[in-house]
Amino acid sequence: MKTAYISKKHILMVCHQMVQTYGIQSITIRAVAKQCNVSIGSIYNYFPSKNKLLHEVIESIWKDIFKMPNDIMTYDFMKCLQWMCDSIQKGKQKYPDFLKSHAMVFHNDERIEGQQHMEYCIEHMKQCLLTILQHDQAVKDNVFNEQLTRQQFVSYILTLFLSSITNMSISQVGIMQLVKHCLYE
Protein backbone atom coordinates (compact mmCIF):
# COMPACT_ATOMS: atom_id res chain seq x y z
CA MET A 1 0.00 0.00 0.00
CA LYS A 2 1.26 3.47 -0.89
CA THR A 3 1.91 6.04 1.83
CA ALA A 4 -0.76 8.74 1.81
CA TYR A 5 1.42 11.67 2.85
CA ILE A 6 5.03 12.57 2.25
CA SER A 7 6.95 15.78 2.85
CA LYS A 8 9.10 17.63 0.34
CA LYS A 9 12.04 17.26 2.72
CA HIS A 10 11.61 13.47 2.72
CA ILE A 11 11.42 13.37 -1.07
CA LEU A 12 14.69 15.30 -1.33
CA MET A 13 16.32 13.01 1.24
CA VAL A 14 15.31 9.97 -0.82
CA CYS A 15 16.64 11.68 -3.95
CA HIS A 16 19.98 12.27 -2.21
CA GLN A 17 20.15 8.55 -1.41
CA MET A 18 19.31 7.69 -5.01
CA VAL A 19 22.05 9.99 -6.33
CA GLN A 20 24.56 8.48 -3.90
CA THR A 21 23.70 4.95 -5.00
CA TYR A 22 22.64 5.19 -8.64
CA GLY A 23 23.72 8.65 -9.85
CA ILE A 24 21.80 11.78 -10.80
CA GLN A 25 20.48 10.08 -13.95
CA SER A 26 18.34 7.83 -11.75
CA ILE A 27 16.08 10.71 -10.74
CA THR A 28 12.72 10.46 -12.47
CA ILE A 29 9.29 11.17 -11.06
CA ARG A 30 8.34 7.50 -11.35
CA ALA A 31 11.58 6.22 -9.71
CA VAL A 32 11.34 8.73 -6.86
CA ALA A 33 7.68 7.84 -6.23
CA LYS A 34 8.60 4.17 -6.13
CA GLN A 35 11.50 4.77 -3.71
CA CYS A 36 9.25 6.94 -1.50
CA ASN A 37 6.43 4.38 -1.68
CA VAL A 38 3.92 7.00 -2.82
CA SER A 39 1.92 7.64 -5.96
CA ILE A 40 3.41 9.63 -8.81
CA GLY A 41 0.82 12.34 -8.08
CA SER A 42 2.27 12.79 -4.59
CA ILE A 43 5.60 13.78 -6.13
CA TYR A 44 3.86 16.10 -8.60
CA ASN A 45 2.24 17.88 -5.62
CA TYR A 46 5.68 19.28 -4.79
CA PHE A 47 7.42 19.20 -8.17
CA PRO A 48 5.33 20.06 -11.24
CA SER A 49 7.88 18.47 -13.60
CA LYS A 50 10.95 16.28 -13.66
CA ASN A 51 13.04 19.37 -14.39
CA LYS A 52 11.79 21.17 -11.28
CA LEU A 53 12.59 18.07 -9.25
CA LEU A 54 16.07 17.84 -10.75
CA HIS A 55 16.76 21.53 -10.13
CA GLU A 56 15.84 21.23 -6.48
CA VAL A 57 17.74 17.98 -6.02
CA ILE A 58 20.88 19.45 -7.59
CA GLU A 59 20.62 22.65 -5.57
CA SER A 60 20.07 20.73 -2.33
CA ILE A 61 23.06 18.47 -3.02
CA TRP A 62 25.27 21.51 -3.72
CA LYS A 63 24.07 22.99 -0.44
CA ASP A 64 24.86 19.71 1.31
CA ILE A 65 28.36 19.60 -0.17
CA PHE A 66 29.10 23.23 0.64
CA LYS A 67 27.25 23.56 3.93
CA MET A 68 29.26 26.28 5.60
CA PRO A 69 30.28 25.91 9.21
CA ASN A 70 28.71 28.42 11.57
CA ASP A 71 32.09 29.96 12.37
CA ILE A 72 33.32 30.27 8.77
CA MET A 73 33.47 34.07 8.98
CA THR A 74 36.21 33.69 11.60
CA TYR A 75 38.40 31.74 9.14
CA ASP A 76 41.30 33.28 7.28
CA PHE A 77 41.22 32.97 3.49
CA MET A 78 43.52 29.93 3.39
CA LYS A 79 41.50 28.08 6.02
CA CYS A 80 38.34 28.81 4.03
CA LEU A 81 39.94 27.45 0.86
CA GLN A 82 41.04 24.36 2.76
CA TRP A 83 37.45 23.91 3.92
CA MET A 84 36.37 24.16 0.24
CA CYS A 85 38.93 21.50 -0.77
CA ASP A 86 37.73 19.22 1.99
CA SER A 87 34.09 19.82 1.03
CA ILE A 88 34.78 18.97 -2.60
CA GLN A 89 36.58 15.75 -1.62
CA LYS A 90 33.78 14.73 0.76
CA GLY A 91 31.21 15.60 -1.93
CA LYS A 92 33.01 13.39 -4.44
CA GLN A 93 32.93 10.51 -1.97
CA LYS A 94 29.35 11.01 -0.84
CA TYR A 95 27.92 11.64 -4.32
CA PRO A 96 30.13 9.75 -6.80
CA ASP A 97 30.03 11.25 -10.30
CA PHE A 98 27.53 13.95 -9.27
CA LEU A 99 30.01 16.82 -9.53
CA LYS A 100 30.94 15.77 -13.06
CA SER A 101 27.52 14.78 -14.37
CA HIS A 102 24.87 16.98 -12.76
CA ALA A 103 24.86 19.57 -15.55
CA MET A 104 24.34 16.90 -18.22
CA VAL A 105 20.91 15.73 -17.04
CA PHE A 106 19.12 18.66 -18.67
CA HIS A 107 18.28 19.16 -22.31
CA ASN A 108 19.55 22.32 -24.01
CA ASP A 109 16.49 24.46 -23.25
CA GLU A 110 16.44 23.43 -19.61
CA ARG A 111 20.17 24.02 -19.02
CA ILE A 112 19.61 27.77 -18.79
CA GLU A 113 17.54 27.43 -15.63
CA GLY A 114 20.07 24.97 -14.22
CA GLN A 115 22.87 27.41 -14.95
CA GLN A 116 20.93 30.17 -13.19
CA HIS A 117 20.64 28.00 -10.07
CA MET A 118 24.35 27.24 -10.26
CA GLU A 119 25.26 30.90 -10.72
CA TYR A 120 23.23 31.78 -7.63
CA CYS A 121 25.18 29.24 -5.55
CA ILE A 122 28.50 30.42 -6.98
CA GLU A 123 27.66 34.05 -6.30
CA HIS A 124 26.88 33.19 -2.67
CA MET A 125 30.25 31.45 -2.37
CA LYS A 126 32.02 34.43 -3.97
CA GLN A 127 30.46 36.85 -1.50
CA CYS A 128 31.49 34.67 1.43
CA LEU A 129 35.06 34.34 0.14
CA LEU A 130 35.27 38.07 -0.53
CA THR A 131 34.11 38.92 2.98
CA ILE A 132 36.65 36.53 4.47
CA LEU A 133 39.43 37.92 2.26
CA GLN A 134 38.56 41.50 3.24
CA HIS A 135 38.89 40.62 6.93
CA ASP A 136 42.05 38.51 6.65
CA GLN A 137 44.67 40.58 8.49
CA ALA A 138 47.55 38.37 7.33
CA VAL A 139 47.23 39.31 3.64
CA LYS A 140 50.16 41.40 2.36
CA ASP A 141 49.39 45.10 1.90
CA ASN A 142 50.44 45.44 -1.73
CA VAL A 143 48.52 42.53 -3.27
CA PHE A 144 45.43 44.32 -4.55
CA ASN A 145 45.15 47.39 -6.77
CA GLU A 146 43.16 48.61 -9.76
CA GLN A 147 44.58 45.86 -11.99
CA LEU A 148 43.79 43.07 -9.50
CA THR A 149 40.93 43.70 -7.11
CA ARG A 150 39.82 41.43 -4.30
CA GLN A 151 36.66 40.66 -6.29
CA GLN A 152 38.69 39.58 -9.32
CA PHE A 153 41.03 37.48 -7.19
CA VAL A 154 38.12 35.66 -5.55
CA SER A 155 36.51 35.09 -8.94
CA TYR A 156 39.72 33.65 -10.38
CA ILE A 157 40.34 31.35 -7.42
CA LEU A 158 36.75 30.11 -7.31
CA THR A 159 36.85 29.47 -11.07
CA LEU A 160 40.01 27.42 -10.60
CA PHE A 161 38.43 25.44 -7.76
CA LEU A 162 35.28 24.72 -9.76
CA SER A 163 37.41 23.69 -12.74
CA SER A 164 39.36 21.32 -10.52
CA ILE A 165 36.14 19.39 -9.86
CA THR A 166 35.93 18.15 -13.45
CA ASN A 167 39.51 18.58 -14.65
CA MET A 168 41.89 16.22 -12.90
CA SER A 169 44.93 18.13 -14.21
CA ILE A 170 44.04 21.15 -12.06
CA SER A 171 45.37 20.48 -8.60
CA GLN A 172 43.56 21.91 -5.59
CA VAL A 173 46.86 21.69 -3.70
CA GLY A 174 48.46 23.73 -6.48
CA ILE A 175 45.70 26.32 -6.19
CA MET A 176 46.34 26.54 -2.45
CA GLN A 177 50.08 27.06 -3.10
CA LEU A 178 49.29 29.81 -5.59
CA VAL A 179 47.07 31.61 -3.08
CA LYS A 180 49.65 31.24 -0.33
CA HIS A 181 52.37 32.79 -2.51
CA CYS A 182 50.13 35.59 -3.76
CA LEU A 183 48.62 36.62 -0.45
CA TYR A 184 51.02 35.79 2.34
CA GLU A 185 54.63 35.37 1.21
C-alpha atoms as a PDB file:
ATOM      1  CA  MET A   1       0.000   0.000   0.000  1.00  0.00           C
ATOM      2  CA  LYS A   2       1.258   3.467  -0.885  1.00  0.00           C
ATOM      3  CA  THR A   3       1.911   6.037   1.834  1.00  0.00           C
ATOM      4  CA  ALA A   4      -0.763   8.740   1.805  1.00  0.00           C
ATOM      5  CA  TYR A   5       1.420  11.674   2.855  1.00  0.00           C
ATOM      6  CA  ILE A   6       5.028  12.569   2.247  1.00  0.00           C
ATOM      7  CA  SER A   7       6.952  15.781   2.847  1.00  0.00           C
ATOM      8  CA  LYS A   8       9.101  17.634   0.341  1.00  0.00           C
ATOM      9  CA  LYS A   9      12.040  17.256   2.725  1.00  0.00           C
ATOM     10  CA  HIS A  10      11.610  13.472   2.722  1.00  0.00           C
ATOM     11  CA  ILE A  11      11.421  13.367  -1.067  1.00  0.00           C
ATOM     12  CA  LEU A  12      14.687  15.299  -1.331  1.00  0.00           C
ATOM     13  CA  MET A  13      16.317  13.012   1.236  1.00  0.00           C
ATOM     14  CA  VAL A  14      15.315   9.971  -0.817  1.00  0.00           C
ATOM     15  CA  CYS A  15      16.642  11.682  -3.953  1.00  0.00           C
ATOM     16  CA  HIS A  16      19.985  12.273  -2.208  1.00  0.00           C
ATOM     17  CA  GLN A  17      20.154   8.548  -1.412  1.00  0.00           C
ATOM     18  CA  MET A  18      19.313   7.690  -5.008  1.00  0.00           C
ATOM     19  CA  VAL A  19      22.048   9.991  -6.330  1.00  0.00           C
ATOM     20  CA  GLN A  20      24.556   8.478  -3.902  1.00  0.00           C
ATOM     21  CA  THR A  21      23.702   4.948  -5.002  1.00  0.00           C
ATOM     22  CA  TYR A  22      22.643   5.191  -8.643  1.00  0.00           C
ATOM     23  CA  GLY A  23      23.721   8.646  -9.855  1.00  0.00           C
ATOM     24  CA  ILE A  24      21.798  11.780 -10.797  1.00  0.00           C
ATOM     25  CA  GLN A  25      20.485  10.082 -13.951  1.00  0.00           C
ATOM     26  CA  SER A  26      18.339   7.829 -11.754  1.00  0.00           C
ATOM     27  CA  ILE A  27      16.081  10.714 -10.738  1.00  0.00           C
ATOM     28  CA  THR A  28      12.723  10.461 -12.472  1.00  0.00           C
ATOM     29  CA  ILE A  29       9.287  11.172 -11.059  1.00  0.00           C
ATOM     30  CA  ARG A  30       8.345   7.497 -11.346  1.00  0.00           C
ATOM     31  CA  ALA A  31      11.575   6.220  -9.711  1.00  0.00           C
ATOM     32  CA  VAL A  32      11.338   8.726  -6.860  1.00  0.00           C
ATOM     33  CA  ALA A  33       7.678   7.844  -6.233  1.00  0.00           C
ATOM     34  CA  LYS A  34       8.599   4.171  -6.130  1.00  0.00           C
ATOM     35  CA  GLN A  35      11.497   4.770  -3.710  1.00  0.00           C
ATOM     36  CA  CYS A  36       9.247   6.943  -1.501  1.00  0.00           C
ATOM     37  CA  ASN A  37       6.434   4.382  -1.680  1.00  0.00           C
ATOM     38  CA  VAL A  38       3.920   7.001  -2.819  1.00  0.00           C
ATOM     39  CA  SER A  39       1.920   7.638  -5.956  1.00  0.00           C
ATOM     40  CA  ILE A  40       3.410   9.633  -8.813  1.00  0.00           C
ATOM     41  CA  GLY A  41       0.816  12.336  -8.079  1.00  0.00           C
ATOM     42  CA  SER A  42       2.270  12.791  -4.588  1.00  0.00           C
ATOM     43  CA  ILE A  43       5.604  13.778  -6.135  1.00  0.00           C
ATOM     44  CA  TYR A  44       3.864  16.102  -8.599  1.00  0.00           C
ATOM     45  CA  ASN A  45       2.242  17.878  -5.624  1.00  0.00           C
ATOM     46  CA  TYR A  46       5.680  19.284  -4.794  1.00  0.00           C
ATOM     47  CA  PHE A  47       7.422  19.205  -8.171  1.00  0.00           C
ATOM     48  CA  PRO A  48       5.327  20.058 -11.240  1.00  0.00           C
ATOM     49  CA  SER A  49       7.877  18.470 -13.597  1.00  0.00           C
ATOM     50  CA  LYS A  50      10.947  16.279 -13.655  1.00  0.00           C
ATOM     51  CA  ASN A  51      13.041  19.375 -14.393  1.00  0.00           C
ATOM     52  CA  LYS A  52      11.793  21.168 -11.277  1.00  0.00           C
ATOM     53  CA  LEU A  53      12.586  18.065  -9.247  1.00  0.00           C
ATOM     54  CA  LEU A  54      16.073  17.838 -10.754  1.00  0.00           C
ATOM     55  CA  HIS A  55      16.760  21.531 -10.130  1.00  0.00           C
ATOM     56  CA  GLU A  56      15.837  21.226  -6.481  1.00  0.00           C
ATOM     57  CA  VAL A  57      17.744  17.980  -6.017  1.00  0.00           C
ATOM     58  CA  ILE A  58      20.877  19.445  -7.591  1.00  0.00           C
ATOM     59  CA  GLU A  59      20.622  22.653  -5.573  1.00  0.00           C
ATOM     60  CA  SER A  60      20.071  20.729  -2.333  1.00  0.00           C
ATOM     61  CA  ILE A  61      23.064  18.475  -3.021  1.00  0.00           C
ATOM     62  CA  TRP A  62      25.269  21.511  -3.725  1.00  0.00           C
ATOM     63  CA  LYS A  63      24.073  22.988  -0.438  1.00  0.00           C
ATOM     64  CA  ASP A  64      24.863  19.713   1.311  1.00  0.00           C
ATOM     65  CA  ILE A  65      28.360  19.599  -0.168  1.00  0.00           C
ATOM     66  CA  PHE A  66      29.104  23.234   0.644  1.00  0.00           C
ATOM     67  CA  LYS A  67      27.246  23.557   3.929  1.00  0.00           C
ATOM     68  CA  MET A  68      29.258  26.281   5.597  1.00  0.00           C
ATOM     69  CA  PRO A  69      30.284  25.908   9.209  1.00  0.00           C
ATOM     70  CA  ASN A  70      28.713  28.417  11.571  1.00  0.00           C
ATOM     71  CA  ASP A  71      32.085  29.960  12.366  1.00  0.00           C
ATOM     72  CA  ILE A  72      33.321  30.275   8.767  1.00  0.00           C
ATOM     73  CA  MET A  73      33.468  34.073   8.982  1.00  0.00           C
ATOM     74  CA  THR A  74      36.207  33.690  11.600  1.00  0.00           C
ATOM     75  CA  TYR A  75      38.396  31.739   9.139  1.00  0.00           C
ATOM     76  CA  ASP A  76      41.297  33.283   7.279  1.00  0.00           C
ATOM     77  CA  PHE A  77      41.218  32.975   3.495  1.00  0.00           C
ATOM     78  CA  MET A  78      43.522  29.926   3.395  1.00  0.00           C
ATOM     79  CA  LYS A  79      41.495  28.081   6.023  1.00  0.00           C
ATOM     80  CA  CYS A  80      38.339  28.811   4.034  1.00  0.00           C
ATOM     81  CA  LEU A  81      39.942  27.451   0.860  1.00  0.00           C
ATOM     82  CA  GLN A  82      41.044  24.362   2.764  1.00  0.00           C
ATOM     83  CA  TRP A  83      37.448  23.913   3.919  1.00  0.00           C
ATOM     84  CA  MET A  84      36.370  24.160   0.237  1.00  0.00           C
ATOM     85  CA  CYS A  85      38.935  21.503  -0.772  1.00  0.00           C
ATOM     86  CA  ASP A  86      37.730  19.222   1.989  1.00  0.00           C
ATOM     87  CA  SER A  87      34.092  19.822   1.032  1.00  0.00           C
ATOM     88  CA  ILE A  88      34.780  18.969  -2.603  1.00  0.00           C
ATOM     89  CA  GLN A  89      36.576  15.751  -1.617  1.00  0.00           C
ATOM     90  CA  LYS A  90      33.780  14.731   0.757  1.00  0.00           C
ATOM     91  CA  GLY A  91      31.214  15.596  -1.926  1.00  0.00           C
ATOM     92  CA  LYS A  92      33.010  13.386  -4.443  1.00  0.00           C
ATOM     93  CA  GLN A  93      32.932  10.509  -1.967  1.00  0.00           C
ATOM     94  CA  LYS A  94      29.346  11.013  -0.840  1.00  0.00           C
ATOM     95  CA  TYR A  95      27.919  11.639  -4.322  1.00  0.00           C
ATOM     96  CA  PRO A  96      30.129   9.747  -6.803  1.00  0.00           C
ATOM     97  CA  ASP A  97      30.031  11.249 -10.298  1.00  0.00           C
ATOM     98  CA  PHE A  98      27.533  13.949  -9.266  1.00  0.00           C
ATOM     99  CA  LEU A  99      30.005  16.824  -9.531  1.00  0.00           C
ATOM    100  CA  LYS A 100      30.940  15.775 -13.061  1.00  0.00           C
ATOM    101  CA  SER A 101      27.522  14.780 -14.366  1.00  0.00           C
ATOM    102  CA  HIS A 102      24.870  16.977 -12.763  1.00  0.00           C
ATOM    103  CA  ALA A 103      24.863  19.569 -15.546  1.00  0.00           C
ATOM    104  CA  MET A 104      24.336  16.904 -18.217  1.00  0.00           C
ATOM    105  CA  VAL A 105      20.911  15.731 -17.045  1.00  0.00           C
ATOM    106  CA  PHE A 106      19.121  18.656 -18.668  1.00  0.00           C
ATOM    107  CA  HIS A 107      18.283  19.157 -22.313  1.00  0.00           C
ATOM    108  CA  ASN A 108      19.547  22.325 -24.011  1.00  0.00           C
ATOM    109  CA  ASP A 109      16.490  24.465 -23.246  1.00  0.00           C
ATOM    110  CA  GLU A 110      16.440  23.429 -19.610  1.00  0.00           C
ATOM    111  CA  ARG A 111      20.167  24.019 -19.018  1.00  0.00           C
ATOM    112  CA  ILE A 112      19.610  27.767 -18.795  1.00  0.00           C
ATOM    113  CA  GLU A 113      17.539  27.431 -15.634  1.00  0.00           C
ATOM    114  CA  GLY A 114      20.066  24.968 -14.216  1.00  0.00           C
ATOM    115  CA  GLN A 115      22.875  27.411 -14.952  1.00  0.00           C
ATOM    116  CA  GLN A 116      20.932  30.174 -13.193  1.00  0.00           C
ATOM    117  CA  HIS A 117      20.638  28.005 -10.067  1.00  0.00           C
ATOM    118  CA  MET A 118      24.351  27.243 -10.262  1.00  0.00           C
ATOM    119  CA  GLU A 119      25.264  30.905 -10.720  1.00  0.00           C
ATOM    120  CA  TYR A 120      23.233  31.777  -7.632  1.00  0.00           C
ATOM    121  CA  CYS A 121      25.179  29.241  -5.551  1.00  0.00           C
ATOM    122  CA  ILE A 122      28.503  30.417  -6.981  1.00  0.00           C
ATOM    123  CA  GLU A 123      27.657  34.054  -6.296  1.00  0.00           C
ATOM    124  CA  HIS A 124      26.883  33.188  -2.669  1.00  0.00           C
ATOM    125  CA  MET A 125      30.254  31.452  -2.371  1.00  0.00           C
ATOM    126  CA  LYS A 126      32.020  34.431  -3.975  1.00  0.00           C
ATOM    127  CA  GLN A 127      30.463  36.846  -1.501  1.00  0.00           C
ATOM    128  CA  CYS A 128      31.488  34.666   1.425  1.00  0.00           C
ATOM    129  CA  LEU A 129      35.061  34.337   0.139  1.00  0.00           C
ATOM    130  CA  LEU A 130      35.267  38.070  -0.529  1.00  0.00           C
ATOM    131  CA  THR A 131      34.109  38.923   2.980  1.00  0.00           C
ATOM    132  CA  ILE A 132      36.648  36.533   4.474  1.00  0.00           C
ATOM    133  CA  LEU A 133      39.427  37.923   2.257  1.00  0.00           C
ATOM    134  CA  GLN A 134      38.560  41.505   3.240  1.00  0.00           C
ATOM    135  CA  HIS A 135      38.887  40.617   6.928  1.00  0.00           C
ATOM    136  CA  ASP A 136      42.055  38.510   6.648  1.00  0.00           C
ATOM    137  CA  GLN A 137      44.672  40.578   8.493  1.00  0.00           C
ATOM    138  CA  ALA A 138      47.554  38.372   7.335  1.00  0.00           C
ATOM    139  CA  VAL A 139      47.230  39.313   3.636  1.00  0.00           C
ATOM    140  CA  LYS A 140      50.161  41.397   2.359  1.00  0.00           C
ATOM    141  CA  ASP A 141      49.387  45.103   1.903  1.00  0.00           C
ATOM    142  CA  ASN A 142      50.439  45.438  -1.730  1.00  0.00           C
ATOM    143  CA  VAL A 143      48.520  42.526  -3.273  1.00  0.00           C
ATOM    144  CA  PHE A 144      45.433  44.322  -4.551  1.00  0.00           C
ATOM    145  CA  ASN A 145      45.145  47.392  -6.767  1.00  0.00           C
ATOM    146  CA  GLU A 146      43.159  48.607  -9.764  1.00  0.00           C
ATOM    147  CA  GLN A 147      44.581  45.855 -11.990  1.00  0.00           C
ATOM    148  CA  LEU A 148      43.791  43.074  -9.505  1.00  0.00           C
ATOM    149  CA  THR A 149      40.933  43.705  -7.113  1.00  0.00           C
ATOM    150  CA  ARG A 150      39.815  41.427  -4.303  1.00  0.00           C
ATOM    151  CA  GLN A 151      36.661  40.662  -6.289  1.00  0.00           C
ATOM    152  CA  GLN A 152      38.693  39.581  -9.324  1.00  0.00           C
ATOM    153  CA  PHE A 153      41.027  37.477  -7.187  1.00  0.00           C
ATOM    154  CA  VAL A 154      38.123  35.661  -5.549  1.00  0.00           C
ATOM    155  CA  SER A 155      36.510  35.095  -8.939  1.00  0.00           C
ATOM    156  CA  TYR A 156      39.723  33.651 -10.384  1.00  0.00           C
ATOM    157  CA  ILE A 157      40.338  31.352  -7.424  1.00  0.00           C
ATOM    158  CA  LEU A 158      36.752  30.112  -7.314  1.00  0.00           C
ATOM    159  CA  THR A 159      36.850  29.466 -11.073  1.00  0.00           C
ATOM    160  CA  LEU A 160      40.007  27.418 -10.601  1.00  0.00           C
ATOM    161  CA  PHE A 161      38.429  25.437  -7.764  1.00  0.00           C
ATOM    162  CA  LEU A 162      35.284  24.721  -9.759  1.00  0.00           C
ATOM    163  CA  SER A 163      37.411  23.689 -12.744  1.00  0.00           C
ATOM    164  CA  SER A 164      39.360  21.316 -10.520  1.00  0.00           C
ATOM    165  CA  ILE A 165      36.144  19.392  -9.865  1.00  0.00           C
ATOM    166  CA  THR A 166      35.927  18.150 -13.449  1.00  0.00           C
ATOM    167  CA  ASN A 167      39.508  18.583 -14.654  1.00  0.00           C
ATOM    168  CA  MET A 168      41.891  16.221 -12.898  1.00  0.00           C
ATOM    169  CA  SER A 169      44.932  18.126 -14.213  1.00  0.00           C
ATOM    170  CA  ILE A 170      44.036  21.152 -12.063  1.00  0.00           C
ATOM    171  CA  SER A 171      45.373  20.481  -8.600  1.00  0.00           C
ATOM    172  CA  GLN A 172      43.565  21.908  -5.586  1.00  0.00           C
ATOM    173  CA  VAL A 173      46.861  21.690  -3.698  1.00  0.00           C
ATOM    174  CA  GLY A 174      48.457  23.733  -6.480  1.00  0.00           C
ATOM    175  CA  ILE A 175      45.705  26.325  -6.192  1.00  0.00           C
ATOM    176  CA  MET A 176      46.343  26.536  -2.452  1.00  0.00           C
ATOM    177  CA  GLN A 177      50.080  27.063  -3.100  1.00  0.00           C
ATOM    178  CA  LEU A 178      49.287  29.808  -5.590  1.00  0.00           C
ATOM    179  CA  VAL A 179      47.067  31.611  -3.079  1.00  0.00           C
ATOM    180  CA  LYS A 180      49.655  31.239  -0.327  1.00  0.00           C
ATOM    181  CA  HIS A 181      52.373  32.791  -2.507  1.00  0.00           C
ATOM    182  CA  CYS A 182      50.129  35.592  -3.756  1.00  0.00           C
ATOM    183  CA  LEU A 183      48.621  36.618  -0.455  1.00  0.00           C
ATOM    184  CA  TYR A 184      51.018  35.790   2.343  1.00  0.00           C
ATOM    185  CA  GLU A 185      54.628  35.366   1.212  1.00  0.00           C
END
